[in-house]
Protein backbone atom coordinates (compact mmCIF):
# COMPACT_ATOMS: atom_id res chain seq x y z
CA MET A 1 -57.03 -38.44 48.51
CA SER A 2 -57.00 -41.13 45.87
CA MET A 3 -55.98 -40.75 42.27
CA SER A 4 -57.29 -42.79 39.37
CA LEU A 5 -54.94 -44.43 36.90
CA THR A 6 -56.15 -42.05 34.18
CA GLU A 7 -55.23 -39.01 36.26
CA LEU A 8 -51.80 -40.48 36.95
CA TRP A 9 -51.19 -41.06 33.23
CA VAL A 10 -52.32 -37.53 32.40
CA ILE A 11 -49.95 -36.03 34.98
CA LEU A 12 -47.03 -38.19 33.83
CA GLY A 13 -47.77 -37.40 30.17
CA CYS A 14 -47.87 -33.66 30.87
CA GLY A 15 -44.57 -33.95 32.72
CA VAL A 16 -42.91 -35.79 29.83
CA ILE A 17 -44.18 -33.26 27.28
CA THR A 18 -43.04 -30.34 29.46
CA VAL A 19 -39.54 -31.76 29.92
CA ALA A 20 -39.27 -32.69 26.23
CA SER A 21 -40.32 -29.22 25.10
CA ARG A 22 -37.55 -27.71 27.21
CA VAL A 23 -34.78 -30.22 26.44
CA LEU A 24 -35.27 -31.06 22.75
CA PRO A 25 -34.68 -27.53 21.42
CA PHE A 26 -31.28 -27.43 23.12
CA ALA A 27 -30.37 -30.85 21.75
CA PHE A 28 -31.50 -29.76 18.28
CA VAL A 29 -29.56 -26.48 18.33
CA LYS A 30 -26.34 -28.26 19.32
CA GLN A 31 -26.54 -30.41 16.16
CA VAL A 32 -27.25 -27.56 13.74
CA SER A 33 -24.98 -24.67 12.86
CA MET A 34 -26.95 -21.46 12.73
CA PRO A 35 -26.09 -18.48 10.53
CA ALA A 36 -24.61 -15.41 12.20
CA TRP A 37 -27.70 -13.25 11.51
CA LEU A 38 -29.90 -15.75 13.38
CA ILE A 39 -27.55 -15.82 16.36
CA ASP A 40 -27.55 -12.01 16.40
CA PHE A 41 -31.35 -12.01 16.24
CA LEU A 42 -31.63 -14.50 19.11
CA THR A 43 -29.56 -12.29 21.40
CA PHE A 44 -32.59 -9.98 21.63
CA VAL A 45 -34.93 -12.69 22.94
CA PRO A 46 -34.05 -12.39 26.67
CA ILE A 47 -34.51 -8.60 26.75
CA THR A 48 -37.83 -8.81 24.92
CA ILE A 49 -39.11 -11.43 27.35
CA MET A 50 -38.04 -9.32 30.35
CA THR A 51 -39.65 -6.23 28.81
CA ALA A 52 -42.93 -8.06 28.27
CA LEU A 53 -42.93 -9.35 31.85
CA CYS A 54 -42.12 -5.90 33.26
CA CYS A 55 -44.77 -4.12 31.20
CA GLN A 56 -47.36 -6.69 32.23
CA SER A 57 -46.71 -5.99 35.90
CA LEU A 58 -46.35 -2.20 35.59
CA PHE A 59 -49.65 -1.57 33.84
CA VAL A 60 -53.20 -2.46 34.88
CA ALA A 61 -55.62 -3.23 32.05
CA ASN A 62 -59.00 -1.54 32.31
CA PRO A 63 -61.48 -2.93 29.76
CA GLY A 64 -62.84 -0.10 27.66
CA HIS A 65 -60.27 2.39 28.98
CA LEU A 66 -56.58 3.10 28.72
CA ALA A 67 -54.22 1.10 30.90
CA THR A 68 -53.19 2.70 34.19
CA LEU A 69 -49.95 2.44 36.11
CA ASN A 70 -49.57 0.13 39.06
CA VAL A 71 -47.87 2.69 41.29
CA ALA A 72 -46.42 0.23 43.81
CA ASN A 73 -44.82 -1.89 41.09
CA CYS A 74 -43.48 1.21 39.34
CA LEU A 75 -41.90 2.47 42.56
CA ALA A 76 -40.36 -0.95 43.27
CA ALA A 77 -39.05 -1.16 39.71
CA ILE A 78 -36.91 1.97 40.13
CA PRO A 79 -34.39 0.55 42.65
CA ALA A 80 -34.52 -2.86 40.93
CA THR A 81 -33.60 -1.24 37.61
CA ILE A 82 -30.78 0.72 39.22
CA ALA A 83 -29.48 -2.49 40.82
CA GLY A 84 -29.58 -4.19 37.42
CA VAL A 85 -27.69 -1.41 35.70
CA LEU A 86 -25.04 -1.27 38.43
CA THR A 87 -24.53 -4.99 39.06
CA LYS A 88 -25.67 -6.70 35.83
CA SER A 89 -26.92 -9.50 38.08
CA LEU A 90 -30.41 -10.95 37.78
CA LEU A 91 -30.19 -12.17 41.37
CA MET A 92 -29.57 -8.63 42.63
CA VAL A 93 -32.46 -7.31 40.55
CA VAL A 94 -34.81 -9.88 42.08
CA VAL A 95 -33.55 -9.35 45.64
CA VAL A 96 -33.69 -5.54 45.44
CA GLY A 97 -37.11 -5.65 43.77
CA ILE A 98 -38.54 -7.92 46.45
CA MET A 99 -37.04 -5.80 49.21
CA ALA A 100 -38.41 -2.61 47.64
CA MET A 101 -41.88 -4.14 47.31
CA ALA A 102 -41.74 -5.36 50.92
CA VAL A 103 -40.86 -1.86 52.15
CA LEU A 104 -43.61 -0.29 50.04
CA ARG A 105 -46.20 -2.74 51.35
CA TYR A 106 -45.01 -2.38 54.95
CA PHE A 107 -45.47 1.38 54.83
CA SER A 108 -48.59 1.12 52.61
CA ILE A 109 -47.05 3.24 49.87
CA GLY A 110 -48.35 3.23 46.31
CA GLY A 111 -51.30 1.01 46.64
């Protein structure tokens, strides 16, 4: 499979922009002192992102109707949430969630 020079430049340009958009904010924040209220506000960002990701996977959108629950994902979320509360470890949440989903799929439960 051959690649034209234009395609190569597009891929390299996208890579540079992606890396810059992830690195420059950290470099900028290190140089600026932020007020305490902004730091307090930013502590809520991780939990809001996790909530949005969880809600997206727990509900199934039905155009023209109310959203319905994805039963398998809801069942797998229960032990993952318990693991998160007990261990406070994102790694344990991911591992327990994957294991719970694997068990549910193996026994064809919830979906």
